[in-house]
Amino acid sequence: MPIASLIIAAVVIVAIVIVAARLYSTQQTRRRNETEQTSQQLRQRFGTEYDRTVAEKGDVRSAESELTARQKRVTGFDIQPLTADEGKSFNDEWQVMQATFVDDPSAAAQDADALIGRVMAARGYPESDYEQRSADVSVDHPAILDRYRTAHEIALRAADGQANTEDLRQAVLNSHALFTEMVQEQPTAEEQPAVESVAEPPVPVAAR
């Protein structure tokens, strides 16, 4: 083969290698940017739940896969705000439950936890166990999730007689934080009017 042809072939090969390397570098950069953007979006949406999930899973990739799966699952739900009548009914239930705290704080804490589940079902969340329910709630209510977890843990201890009165009072207050978010979330303009605002209740001191 003439030397000129060899030189031309070598130049073409070098050019192909350079173009391929640039394309690969561009793809890698785009993937890194997409990964960083996804991470940022998940951090912003889930807040402290993002860090908790990373710690639980042991690495960022597994945690982000879990959080992304939660988002995809919840997207498939038909979650709707409560109607005004539903909101009033649940608020009335809360007041009845709260009134029982004085005589039976343990039952009140457990009833508050159960009431959260009924509100979620009314909103359109599927019935499930506590772990799945927490994962579902984390998508739209991440800021309040720690309080819900604390309330649930105390309610479980209350069922075993392992929670004191102050623990139970905190459980009711923490449950009320998520209860309020779930009940007060406003419908769109075309839907029912928002239910009345509910302030965090002054849980009474239990009888000694």
N, C-alpha and C. Protein backbone atom coordinates (compact mmCIF):
# COMPACT_ATOMS: atom_id res chain seq x y z
N MET A 1 0.86 -1.20 0.00
CA MET A 1 0.00 0.00 0.00
C MET A 1 0.89 1.23 0.00
N PRO A 2 0.59 2.22 -0.85
CA PRO A 2 1.41 3.45 -0.89
C PRO A 2 1.41 4.15 0.47
N ILE A 3 2.52 4.82 0.72
CA ILE A 3 2.65 5.54 2.00
C ILE A 3 1.55 6.58 2.16
N ALA A 4 1.18 7.25 1.09
CA ALA A 4 0.14 8.29 1.15
C ALA A 4 -1.18 7.70 1.65
N SER A 5 -1.48 6.50 1.13
CA SER A 5 -2.73 5.85 1.55
C SER A 5 -2.69 5.48 3.03
N LEU A 6 -1.51 5.02 3.50
CA LEU A 6 -1.35 4.69 4.90
C LEU A 6 -1.55 5.91 5.79
N ILE A 7 -0.98 7.03 5.33
CA ILE A 7 -1.12 8.27 6.11
C ILE A 7 -2.57 8.71 6.20
N ILE A 8 -3.26 8.63 5.06
CA ILE A 8 -4.68 9.02 5.04
C ILE A 8 -5.50 8.12 5.96
N ALA A 9 -5.22 6.80 5.90
CA ALA A 9 -5.95 5.86 6.75
C ALA A 9 -5.69 6.15 8.22
N ALA A 10 -4.43 6.45 8.54
CA ALA A 10 -4.09 6.75 9.93
C ALA A 10 -4.80 8.01 10.41
N VAL A 11 -4.84 9.01 9.55
CA VAL A 11 -5.51 10.27 9.91
C VAL A 11 -7.00 10.03 10.15
N VAL A 12 -7.61 9.22 9.26
CA VAL A 12 -9.05 8.92 9.42
C VAL A 12 -9.31 8.19 10.73
N ILE A 13 -8.43 7.21 11.04
CA ILE A 13 -8.59 6.46 12.28
C ILE A 13 -8.47 7.36 13.49
N VAL A 14 -7.45 8.24 13.45
CA VAL A 14 -7.25 9.16 14.57
C VAL A 14 -8.46 10.07 14.73
N ALA A 15 -9.00 10.55 13.60
CA ALA A 15 -10.16 11.44 13.64
C ALA A 15 -11.36 10.73 14.25
N ILE A 16 -11.55 9.43 13.83
CA ILE A 16 -12.67 8.65 14.37
C ILE A 16 -12.52 8.46 15.87
N VAL A 17 -11.28 8.18 16.32
CA VAL A 17 -11.03 8.00 17.75
C VAL A 17 -11.32 9.27 18.52
N ILE A 18 -10.89 10.42 17.96
CA ILE A 18 -11.11 11.71 18.64
C ILE A 18 -12.60 12.01 18.74
N VAL A 19 -13.35 11.79 17.64
CA VAL A 19 -14.79 12.05 17.65
C VAL A 19 -15.49 11.13 18.65
N ALA A 20 -15.09 9.83 18.65
CA ALA A 20 -15.70 8.89 19.57
C ALA A 20 -15.42 9.28 21.03
N ALA A 21 -14.19 9.71 21.29
CA ALA A 21 -13.83 10.12 22.64
C ALA A 21 -14.64 11.33 23.08
N ARG A 22 -14.83 12.28 22.16
CA ARG A 22 -15.61 13.48 22.49
C ARG A 22 -17.07 13.13 22.73
N LEU A 23 -17.61 12.23 21.90
CA LEU A 23 -19.00 11.81 22.09
C LEU A 23 -19.17 11.11 23.44
N TYR A 24 -18.22 10.26 23.77
CA TYR A 24 -18.27 9.55 25.05
C TYR A 24 -18.19 10.52 26.22
N SER A 25 -17.27 11.49 26.09
CA SER A 25 -17.13 12.48 27.16
C SER A 25 -18.40 13.30 27.32
N THR A 26 -19.01 13.66 26.17
CA THR A 26 -20.26 14.44 26.22
C THR A 26 -21.38 13.65 26.88
N GLN A 27 -21.47 12.37 26.53
CA GLN A 27 -22.50 11.51 27.13
C GLN A 27 -22.29 11.35 28.63
N GLN A 28 -21.04 11.17 29.03
CA GLN A 28 -20.74 11.03 30.44
C GLN A 28 -21.07 12.30 31.21
N THR A 29 -20.74 13.44 30.61
CA THR A 29 -21.04 14.73 31.25
C THR A 29 -22.55 14.91 31.39
N ARG A 30 -23.30 14.55 30.32
CA ARG A 30 -24.75 14.68 30.38
C ARG A 30 -25.34 13.76 31.44
N ARG A 31 -24.82 12.53 31.51
CA ARG A 31 -25.32 11.60 32.54
C ARG A 31 -25.02 12.11 33.94
N ARG A 32 -23.81 12.65 34.13
CA ARG A 32 -23.47 13.21 35.45
C ARG A 32 -24.40 14.35 35.81
N ASN A 33 -24.66 15.22 34.82
CA ASN A 33 -25.54 16.36 35.07
C ASN A 33 -26.96 15.89 35.41
N GLU A 34 -27.43 14.88 34.67
CA GLU A 34 -28.77 14.35 34.93
C GLU A 34 -28.84 13.71 36.31
N THR A 35 -27.78 12.98 36.68
CA THR A 35 -27.74 12.34 38.00
C THR A 35 -27.72 13.39 39.11
N GLU A 36 -26.91 14.44 38.91
CA GLU A 36 -26.83 15.50 39.91
C GLU A 36 -28.16 16.24 40.02
N GLN A 37 -28.81 16.44 38.88
CA GLN A 37 -30.11 17.14 38.90
C GLN A 37 -31.15 16.29 39.62
N THR A 38 -31.14 14.97 39.34
CA THR A 38 -32.07 14.07 40.02
C THR A 38 -31.82 14.07 41.53
N SER A 39 -30.54 14.01 41.92
CA SER A 39 -30.20 14.03 43.34
C SER A 39 -30.68 15.31 44.01
N GLN A 40 -30.48 16.43 43.33
CA GLN A 40 -30.90 17.71 43.89
C GLN A 40 -32.41 17.77 44.05
N GLN A 41 -33.13 17.27 43.04
CA GLN A 41 -34.60 17.28 43.11
C GLN A 41 -35.10 16.39 44.25
N LEU A 42 -34.48 15.23 44.41
CA LEU A 42 -34.88 14.34 45.50
C LEU A 42 -34.56 14.93 46.86
N ARG A 43 -33.40 15.57 46.98
CA ARG A 43 -33.04 16.22 48.24
C ARG A 43 -34.05 17.31 48.60
N GLN A 44 -34.40 18.11 47.59
CA GLN A 44 -35.34 19.21 47.84
C GLN A 44 -36.72 18.68 48.21
N ARG A 45 -37.14 17.60 47.57
CA ARG A 45 -38.49 17.09 47.82
C ARG A 45 -38.58 16.36 49.15
N PHE A 46 -37.59 15.54 49.48
CA PHE A 46 -37.68 14.68 50.65
C PHE A 46 -36.99 15.24 51.89
N GLY A 47 -36.11 16.22 51.75
CA GLY A 47 -35.48 16.83 52.92
C GLY A 47 -34.74 15.82 53.78
N THR A 48 -35.04 15.81 55.07
CA THR A 48 -34.35 14.92 56.00
C THR A 48 -34.65 13.45 55.71
N GLU A 49 -35.77 13.18 55.04
CA GLU A 49 -36.09 11.81 54.67
C GLU A 49 -35.08 11.27 53.66
N TYR A 50 -34.52 12.15 52.84
CA TYR A 50 -33.47 11.74 51.90
C TYR A 50 -32.26 11.23 52.68
N ASP A 51 -31.82 12.02 53.67
CA ASP A 51 -30.65 11.61 54.47
C ASP A 51 -30.94 10.33 55.25
N ARG A 52 -32.14 10.21 55.79
CA ARG A 52 -32.49 9.02 56.55
C ARG A 52 -32.47 7.79 55.67
N THR A 53 -32.96 7.92 54.45
CA THR A 53 -33.00 6.79 53.53
C THR A 53 -31.59 6.39 53.08
N VAL A 54 -30.74 7.38 52.86
CA VAL A 54 -29.34 7.09 52.50
C VAL A 54 -28.67 6.30 53.63
N ALA A 55 -28.90 6.76 54.86
CA ALA A 55 -28.31 6.06 56.01
C ALA A 55 -28.86 4.65 56.14
N GLU A 56 -30.15 4.48 55.87
CA GLU A 56 -30.79 3.18 55.99
C GLU A 56 -30.32 2.21 54.91
N LYS A 57 -30.21 2.71 53.67
CA LYS A 57 -29.81 1.86 52.54
C LYS A 57 -28.31 1.65 52.47
N GLY A 58 -27.55 2.59 52.99
CA GLY A 58 -26.10 2.42 52.99
C GLY A 58 -25.37 3.08 51.85
N ASP A 59 -26.09 3.53 50.82
CA ASP A 59 -25.44 4.24 49.72
C ASP A 59 -26.47 5.10 48.99
N VAL A 60 -25.97 6.12 48.31
CA VAL A 60 -26.83 7.11 47.66
C VAL A 60 -27.66 6.49 46.54
N ARG A 61 -27.02 5.65 45.71
CA ARG A 61 -27.74 5.09 44.56
C ARG A 61 -28.95 4.28 45.00
N SER A 62 -28.78 3.42 45.98
CA SER A 62 -29.90 2.60 46.46
C SER A 62 -31.00 3.46 47.07
N ALA A 63 -30.58 4.49 47.83
CA ALA A 63 -31.55 5.39 48.46
C ALA A 63 -32.35 6.15 47.41
N GLU A 64 -31.66 6.65 46.39
CA GLU A 64 -32.37 7.41 45.36
C GLU A 64 -33.29 6.53 44.54
N SER A 65 -32.90 5.28 44.34
CA SER A 65 -33.78 4.33 43.65
C SER A 65 -35.05 4.09 44.47
N GLU A 66 -34.88 3.98 45.78
CA GLU A 66 -36.03 3.79 46.67
C GLU A 66 -36.96 5.00 46.64
N LEU A 67 -36.40 6.19 46.74
CA LEU A 67 -37.21 7.40 46.76
C LEU A 67 -37.91 7.62 45.42
N THR A 68 -37.21 7.32 44.34
CA THR A 68 -37.81 7.45 43.01
C THR A 68 -38.96 6.46 42.85
N ALA A 69 -38.78 5.26 43.37
CA ALA A 69 -39.85 4.25 43.32
C ALA A 69 -41.06 4.71 44.13
N ARG A 70 -40.81 5.37 45.26
CA ARG A 70 -41.94 5.89 46.06
C ARG A 70 -42.73 6.91 45.24
N GLN A 71 -42.01 7.81 44.59
CA GLN A 71 -42.69 8.83 43.79
C GLN A 71 -43.54 8.19 42.69
N LYS A 72 -42.97 7.21 42.02
CA LYS A 72 -43.69 6.53 40.95
C LYS A 72 -44.93 5.84 41.49
N ARG A 73 -44.82 5.19 42.66
CA ARG A 73 -45.97 4.50 43.25
C ARG A 73 -47.08 5.48 43.59
N VAL A 74 -46.72 6.58 44.25
CA VAL A 74 -47.73 7.54 44.70
C VAL A 74 -48.38 8.26 43.51
N THR A 75 -47.64 8.43 42.43
CA THR A 75 -48.21 9.05 41.24
C THR A 75 -49.40 8.26 40.72
N GLY A 76 -49.39 6.97 40.97
CA GLY A 76 -50.49 6.12 40.51
C GLY A 76 -51.72 6.16 41.40
N PHE A 77 -51.65 6.85 42.54
CA PHE A 77 -52.80 6.94 43.44
C PHE A 77 -53.73 8.07 42.98
N ASP A 78 -54.98 7.94 43.31
CA ASP A 78 -55.94 9.02 43.06
C ASP A 78 -56.15 9.77 44.38
N ILE A 79 -55.16 10.56 44.76
CA ILE A 79 -55.21 11.28 46.04
C ILE A 79 -55.96 12.60 45.85
N GLN A 80 -56.97 12.78 46.66
CA GLN A 80 -57.82 13.97 46.56
C GLN A 80 -57.94 14.64 47.93
N PRO A 81 -58.11 15.97 47.95
CA PRO A 81 -58.38 16.64 49.22
C PRO A 81 -59.72 16.18 49.78
N LEU A 82 -59.86 16.28 51.09
CA LEU A 82 -61.15 15.95 51.71
C LEU A 82 -62.18 17.01 51.35
N THR A 83 -63.42 16.61 51.30
CA THR A 83 -64.48 17.60 51.16
C THR A 83 -64.64 18.32 52.51
N ALA A 84 -65.37 19.41 52.49
CA ALA A 84 -65.61 20.15 53.73
C ALA A 84 -66.30 19.28 54.76
N ASP A 85 -67.28 18.47 54.32
CA ASP A 85 -68.01 17.60 55.24
C ASP A 85 -67.09 16.53 55.83
N GLU A 86 -66.23 15.96 54.98
CA GLU A 86 -65.30 14.95 55.47
C GLU A 86 -64.32 15.56 56.48
N GLY A 87 -63.84 16.76 56.16
CA GLY A 87 -62.92 17.42 57.07
C GLY A 87 -63.55 17.70 58.42
N LYS A 88 -64.80 18.17 58.40
CA LYS A 88 -65.50 18.44 59.66
C LYS A 88 -65.70 17.16 60.45
N SER A 89 -66.05 16.08 59.76
CA SER A 89 -66.28 14.81 60.44
C SER A 89 -65.00 14.32 61.12
N PHE A 90 -63.89 14.41 60.43
CA PHE A 90 -62.62 13.97 61.02
C PHE A 90 -62.19 14.88 62.16
N ASN A 91 -62.43 16.18 62.00
CA ASN A 91 -62.10 17.11 63.10
C ASN A 91 -62.93 16.79 64.34
N ASP A 92 -64.20 16.46 64.13
CA ASP A 92 -65.06 16.08 65.26
C ASP A 92 -64.53 14.82 65.93
N GLU A 93 -64.09 13.85 65.12
CA GLU A 93 -63.51 12.63 65.68
C GLU A 93 -62.28 12.95 66.51
N TRP A 94 -61.48 13.88 65.99
CA TRP A 94 -60.26 14.25 66.73
C TRP A 94 -60.63 14.84 68.10
N GLN A 95 -61.62 15.71 68.12
CA GLN A 95 -62.01 16.34 69.37
C GLN A 95 -62.50 15.30 70.38
N VAL A 96 -63.25 14.31 69.91
CA VAL A 96 -63.72 13.25 70.80
C VAL A 96 -62.54 12.45 71.34
N MET A 97 -61.61 12.11 70.45
CA MET A 97 -60.43 11.37 70.87
C MET A 97 -59.63 12.16 71.89
N GLN A 98 -59.44 13.43 71.63
CA GLN A 98 -58.63 14.26 72.52
C GLN A 98 -59.26 14.36 73.91
N ALA A 99 -60.60 14.39 73.95
CA ALA A 99 -61.29 14.49 75.23
C ALA A 99 -61.07 13.25 76.09
N THR A 100 -60.78 12.12 75.43
CA THR A 100 -60.59 10.88 76.20
C THR A 100 -59.18 10.81 76.82
N PHE A 101 -58.31 11.73 76.44
CA PHE A 101 -56.93 11.67 76.92
C PHE A 101 -56.85 11.76 78.45
N VAL A 102 -57.69 12.59 79.03
CA VAL A 102 -57.65 12.79 80.48
C VAL A 102 -57.83 11.48 81.24
N ASP A 103 -58.80 10.68 80.79
CA ASP A 103 -59.09 9.43 81.49
C ASP A 103 -58.26 8.25 81.00
N ASP A 104 -57.87 8.27 79.71
CA ASP A 104 -57.13 7.13 79.16
C ASP A 104 -56.15 7.61 78.09
N PRO A 105 -55.02 8.17 78.51
CA PRO A 105 -54.06 8.71 77.54
C PRO A 105 -53.51 7.66 76.59
N SER A 106 -53.34 6.43 77.05
CA SER A 106 -52.83 5.38 76.18
C SER A 106 -53.79 5.11 75.02
N ALA A 107 -55.07 4.99 75.34
CA ALA A 107 -56.07 4.75 74.30
C ALA A 107 -56.14 5.93 73.34
N ALA A 108 -56.02 7.15 73.87
CA ALA A 108 -56.08 8.34 73.03
C ALA A 108 -54.93 8.35 72.02
N ALA A 109 -53.72 8.01 72.47
CA ALA A 109 -52.57 7.98 71.57
C ALA A 109 -52.75 6.95 70.47
N GLN A 110 -53.27 5.78 70.85
CA GLN A 110 -53.50 4.73 69.85
C GLN A 110 -54.63 5.11 68.91
N ASP A 111 -55.67 5.76 69.43
CA ASP A 111 -56.78 6.19 68.58
C ASP A 111 -56.33 7.27 67.60
N ALA A 112 -55.45 8.16 68.04
CA ALA A 112 -54.93 9.21 67.16
C ALA A 112 -54.17 8.59 66.00
N ASP A 113 -53.37 7.57 66.30
CA ASP A 113 -52.61 6.88 65.27
C ASP A 113 -53.55 6.21 64.27
N ALA A 114 -54.60 5.58 64.78
CA ALA A 114 -55.57 4.91 63.91
C ALA A 114 -56.33 5.92 63.06
N LEU A 115 -56.61 7.09 63.64
CA LEU A 115 -57.35 8.12 62.91
C LEU A 115 -56.54 8.61 61.71
N ILE A 116 -55.23 8.70 61.85
CA ILE A 116 -54.38 9.08 60.73
C ILE A 116 -54.60 8.11 59.56
N GLY A 117 -54.64 6.83 59.87
CA GLY A 117 -54.86 5.83 58.83
C GLY A 117 -56.20 6.02 58.12
N ARG A 118 -57.24 6.36 58.87
CA ARG A 118 -58.55 6.56 58.25
C ARG A 118 -58.58 7.81 57.37
N VAL A 119 -57.88 8.84 57.80
CA VAL A 119 -57.80 10.05 56.99
C VAL A 119 -57.07 9.75 55.67
N MET A 120 -55.98 9.01 55.78
CA MET A 120 -55.23 8.66 54.57
C MET A 120 -56.09 7.86 53.60
N ALA A 121 -56.85 6.90 54.14
CA ALA A 121 -57.73 6.10 53.28
C ALA A 121 -58.77 6.98 52.60
N ALA A 122 -59.31 7.94 53.34
CA ALA A 122 -60.31 8.86 52.77
C ALA A 122 -59.70 9.74 51.69
N ARG A 123 -58.43 10.05 51.82
CA ARG A 123 -57.75 10.88 50.83
C ARG A 123 -57.43 10.10 49.56
N GLY A 124 -57.38 8.77 49.65
CA GLY A 124 -57.08 7.98 48.46
C GLY A 124 -55.83 7.13 48.55
N TYR A 125 -55.15 7.16 49.72
CA TYR A 125 -54.00 6.28 49.90
C TYR A 125 -54.52 4.85 50.11
N PRO A 126 -53.87 3.86 49.51
CA PRO A 126 -54.33 2.48 49.69
C PRO A 126 -54.05 1.99 51.11
N GLU A 127 -54.88 1.08 51.58
CA GLU A 127 -54.65 0.49 52.89
C GLU A 127 -53.38 -0.36 52.83
N SER A 128 -52.53 -0.20 53.83
CA SER A 128 -51.26 -0.93 53.84
C SER A 128 -50.72 -0.94 55.26
N ASP A 129 -49.59 -1.62 55.45
CA ASP A 129 -48.99 -1.63 56.78
C ASP A 129 -48.29 -0.30 57.05
N TYR A 130 -47.84 -0.14 58.28
CA TYR A 130 -47.28 1.14 58.69
C TYR A 130 -46.07 1.55 57.85
N GLU A 131 -45.17 0.61 57.57
CA GLU A 131 -43.96 0.94 56.82
C GLU A 131 -44.30 1.46 55.43
N GLN A 132 -45.22 0.79 54.75
CA GLN A 132 -45.61 1.25 53.42
C GLN A 132 -46.34 2.58 53.49
N ARG A 133 -47.17 2.74 54.52
CA ARG A 133 -47.90 3.98 54.68
C ARG A 133 -46.95 5.15 54.90
N SER A 134 -45.90 4.93 55.70
CA SER A 134 -44.90 5.97 55.94
C SER A 134 -44.18 6.34 54.65
N ALA A 135 -43.83 5.31 53.86
CA ALA A 135 -43.15 5.56 52.59
C ALA A 135 -44.04 6.37 51.66
N ASP A 136 -45.33 6.04 51.62
CA ASP A 136 -46.25 6.78 50.76
C ASP A 136 -46.40 8.22 51.21
N VAL A 137 -46.54 8.41 52.52
CA VAL A 137 -46.71 9.77 53.06
C VAL A 137 -45.47 10.62 52.81
N SER A 138 -44.30 9.99 52.79
CA SER A 138 -43.06 10.74 52.65
C SER A 138 -42.97 11.52 51.35
N VAL A 139 -43.71 11.10 50.33
CA VAL A 139 -43.64 11.76 49.03
C VAL A 139 -44.22 13.16 49.08
N ASP A 140 -45.36 13.32 49.72
CA ASP A 140 -46.04 14.63 49.76
C ASP A 140 -45.97 15.33 51.11
N HIS A 141 -45.57 14.61 52.15
CA HIS A 141 -45.51 15.20 53.49
C HIS A 141 -44.20 14.85 54.19
N PRO A 142 -43.05 15.07 53.53
CA PRO A 142 -41.78 14.64 54.14
C PRO A 142 -41.40 15.40 55.40
N ALA A 143 -41.77 16.69 55.46
CA ALA A 143 -41.34 17.52 56.59
C ALA A 143 -41.94 17.07 57.91
N ILE A 144 -43.10 16.42 57.84
CA ILE A 144 -43.81 16.06 59.06
C ILE A 144 -43.63 14.58 59.40
N LEU A 145 -42.91 13.86 58.55
CA LEU A 145 -42.83 12.41 58.68
C LEU A 145 -42.16 11.96 59.98
N ASP A 146 -41.11 12.67 60.41
CA ASP A 146 -40.43 12.29 61.66
C ASP A 146 -41.39 12.33 62.84
N ARG A 147 -42.26 13.33 62.87
CA ARG A 147 -43.23 13.43 63.96
C ARG A 147 -44.23 12.28 63.91
N TYR A 148 -44.61 11.89 62.71
CA TYR A 148 -45.53 10.77 62.56
C TYR A 148 -44.87 9.48 63.03
N ARG A 149 -43.62 9.28 62.67
CA ARG A 149 -42.90 8.09 63.09
C ARG A 149 -42.79 8.04 64.62
N THR A 150 -42.48 9.19 65.21
CA THR A 150 -42.37 9.25 66.67
C THR A 150 -43.70 8.90 67.33
N ALA A 151 -44.78 9.47 66.80
CA ALA A 151 -46.11 9.21 67.36
C ALA A 151 -46.46 7.73 67.25
N HIS A 152 -46.16 7.13 66.11
CA HIS A 152 -46.49 5.72 65.91
C HIS A 152 -45.68 4.83 66.85
N GLU A 153 -44.41 5.15 67.01
CA GLU A 153 -43.56 4.36 67.90
C GLU A 153 -44.06 4.42 69.34
N ILE A 154 -44.49 5.60 69.78
CA ILE A 154 -45.03 5.74 71.13
C ILE A 154 -46.35 4.99 71.27
N ALA A 155 -47.17 5.04 70.21
CA ALA A 155 -48.46 4.32 70.24
C ALA A 155 -48.22 2.81 70.39
N LEU A 156 -47.19 2.30 69.73
CA LEU A 156 -46.87 0.87 69.88
C LEU A 156 -46.42 0.57 71.31
N ARG A 157 -45.60 1.46 71.87
CA ARG A 157 -45.15 1.24 73.25
C ARG A 157 -46.32 1.36 74.21
N ALA A 158 -47.26 2.25 73.89
CA ALA A 158 -48.44 2.41 74.75
C ALA A 158 -49.26 1.12 74.79
N ALA A 159 -49.34 0.45 73.64
CA ALA A 159 -50.10 -0.80 73.59
C ALA A 159 -49.48 -1.86 74.50
N ASP A 160 -48.17 -1.76 74.73
CA ASP A 160 -47.47 -2.69 75.62
C ASP A 160 -47.31 -2.15 77.03
N GLY A 161 -47.92 -0.98 77.30
CA GLY A 161 -47.82 -0.37 78.62
C GLY A 161 -46.45 0.20 78.92
N GLN A 162 -45.70 0.59 77.85
CA GLN A 162 -44.33 1.06 78.04
C GLN A 162 -44.15 2.56 77.81
N ALA A 163 -45.23 3.32 77.79
CA ALA A 163 -45.13 4.77 77.56
C ALA A 163 -45.73 5.52 78.74
N ASN A 164 -45.04 6.58 79.19
CA ASN A 164 -45.58 7.38 80.28
C ASN A 164 -46.50 8.47 79.75
N THR A 165 -47.12 9.21 80.65
CA THR A 165 -48.13 10.20 80.25
C THR A 165 -47.56 11.27 79.34
N GLU A 166 -46.35 11.75 79.63
CA GLU A 166 -45.75 12.79 78.79
C GLU A 166 -45.45 12.25 77.40
N ASP A 167 -44.97 11.01 77.33
CA ASP A 167 -44.76 10.39 76.02
C ASP A 167 -46.06 10.37 75.22
N LEU A 168 -47.13 9.99 75.88
CA LEU A 168 -48.42 9.87 75.22
C LEU A 168 -48.95 11.23 74.76
N ARG A 169 -48.71 12.24 75.59
CA ARG A 169 -49.12 13.60 75.19
C ARG A 169 -48.37 14.02 73.93
N GLN A 170 -47.06 13.73 73.89
CA GLN A 170 -46.27 14.07 72.71
C GLN A 170 -46.73 13.28 71.49
N ALA A 171 -47.14 12.04 71.71
CA ALA A 171 -47.63 11.23 70.60
C ALA A 171 -48.87 11.85 69.97
N VAL A 172 -49.78 12.32 70.81
CA VAL A 172 -51.01 12.94 70.31
C VAL A 172 -50.68 14.22 69.56
N LEU A 173 -49.78 15.04 70.11
CA LEU A 173 -49.40 16.28 69.42
C LEU A 173 -48.72 15.99 68.09
N ASN A 174 -47.84 15.00 68.08
CA ASN A 174 -47.16 14.67 66.83
C ASN A 174 -48.13 14.10 65.79
N SER A 175 -49.07 13.28 66.24
CA SER A 175 -50.08 12.77 65.31
C SER A 175 -50.90 13.92 64.73
N HIS A 176 -51.18 14.89 65.58
CA HIS A 176 -52.00 16.01 65.12
C HIS A 176 -51.31 16.82 64.03
N ALA A 177 -49.99 16.86 64.05
CA ALA A 177 -49.26 17.60 63.02
C ALA A 177 -49.54 17.04 61.63
N LEU A 178 -49.46 15.72 61.49
CA LEU A 178 -49.75 15.11 60.19
C LEU A 178 -51.25 15.15 59.91
N PHE A 179 -52.05 14.91 60.93
CA PHE A 179 -53.51 14.96 60.77
C PHE A 179 -53.92 16.30 60.17
N THR A 180 -53.36 17.39 60.70
CA THR A 180 -53.72 18.72 60.22
C THR A 180 -53.32 18.91 58.76
N GLU A 181 -52.11 18.48 58.41
CA GLU A 181 -51.68 18.61 57.02
C GLU A 181 -52.60 17.83 56.09
N MET A 182 -52.96 16.63 56.50
CA MET A 182 -53.78 15.78 55.64
C MET A 182 -55.21 16.32 55.50
N VAL A 183 -55.73 16.85 56.58
CA VAL A 183 -57.11 17.34 56.55
C VAL A 183 -57.21 18.71 55.90
N GLN A 184 -56.22 19.55 56.11
CA GLN A 184 -56.31 20.93 55.64
C GLN A 184 -55.84 21.13 54.22
N GLU A 185 -55.19 20.15 53.61
CA GLU A 185 -54.68 20.34 52.26
C GLU A 185 -55.80 20.79 51.35
N GLN A 186 -55.60 21.91 50.67
CA GLN A 186 -56.70 22.57 49.99
C GLN A 186 -57.00 21.96 48.62
N PRO A 187 -58.28 21.87 48.29
CA PRO A 187 -58.67 21.43 46.95
C PRO A 187 -58.30 22.49 45.92
N THR A 188 -58.37 22.15 44.65
CA THR A 188 -58.17 23.14 43.60
C THR A 188 -59.39 24.03 43.54
N ALA A 189 -59.33 25.08 42.74
CA ALA A 189 -60.42 26.05 42.68
C ALA A 189 -61.71 25.41 42.20
N GLU A 190 -61.59 24.33 41.39
CA GLU A 190 -62.79 23.70 40.86
C GLU A 190 -63.43 22.71 41.83
N GLU A 191 -62.73 22.45 42.95
CA GLU A 191 -63.22 21.43 43.87
C GLU A 191 -63.87 22.05 45.09
N GLN A 192 -64.07 21.24 46.09
CA GLN A 192 -64.73 21.69 47.32
C GLN A 192 -63.90 22.77 48.00
N PRO A 193 -64.53 23.67 48.77
CA PRO A 193 -63.77 24.66 49.53
C PRO A 193 -62.95 23.99 50.62
N ALA A 194 -61.88 24.67 51.02
CA ALA A 194 -60.99 24.11 52.05
C ALA A 194 -61.71 24.02 53.39
N VAL A 195 -61.33 23.02 54.17
CA VAL A 195 -61.91 22.91 55.50
C VAL A 195 -61.30 23.96 56.41
N GLU A 196 -61.94 24.18 57.52
CA GLU A 196 -61.47 25.20 58.44
C GLU A 196 -60.10 24.86 59.01
N SER A 197 -59.35 25.91 59.32
CA SER A 197 -58.04 25.72 59.93
C SER A 197 -58.19 25.12 61.31
N VAL A 198 -57.25 24.23 61.65
CA VAL A 198 -57.28 23.59 62.97
C VAL A 198 -55.94 23.84 63.66
N ALA A 199 -55.97 24.56 64.75
CA ALA A 199 -54.73 24.82 65.48
C ALA A 199 -54.31 23.59 66.25
N GLU A 200 -53.01 23.49 66.54
CA GLU A 200 -52.51 22.35 67.33
C GLU A 200 -53.18 22.39 68.71
N PRO A 201 -53.78 21.28 69.11
CA PRO A 201 -54.62 21.28 70.32
C PRO A 201 -53.81 21.31 71.60
N PRO A 202 -54.34 21.99 72.60
CA PRO A 202 -53.70 21.92 73.92
C PRO A 202 -54.14 20.63 74.60
N VAL A 203 -53.36 19.56 74.42
CA VAL A 203 -53.76 18.26 74.98
C VAL A 203 -53.84 18.37 76.49
N PRO A 204 -54.96 17.98 77.08
CA PRO A 204 -55.12 18.10 78.53
C PRO A 204 -54.19 17.16 79.29
N VAL A 205 -53.94 17.50 80.52
CA VAL A 205 -53.11 16.66 81.39
C VAL A 205 -53.98 15.49 81.87
N ALA A 206 -53.41 14.30 81.81
CA ALA A 206 -54.16 13.12 82.21
C ALA A 206 -54.41 13.11 83.71
N ALA A 207 -55.53 12.51 84.07
CA ALA A 207 -55.85 12.39 85.49
C ALA A 207 -54.85 11.49 86.17
N ARG A 208 -54.46 11.80 87.39
CA ARG A 208 -53.51 10.98 88.14
C ARG A 208 -54.25 10.04 89.07
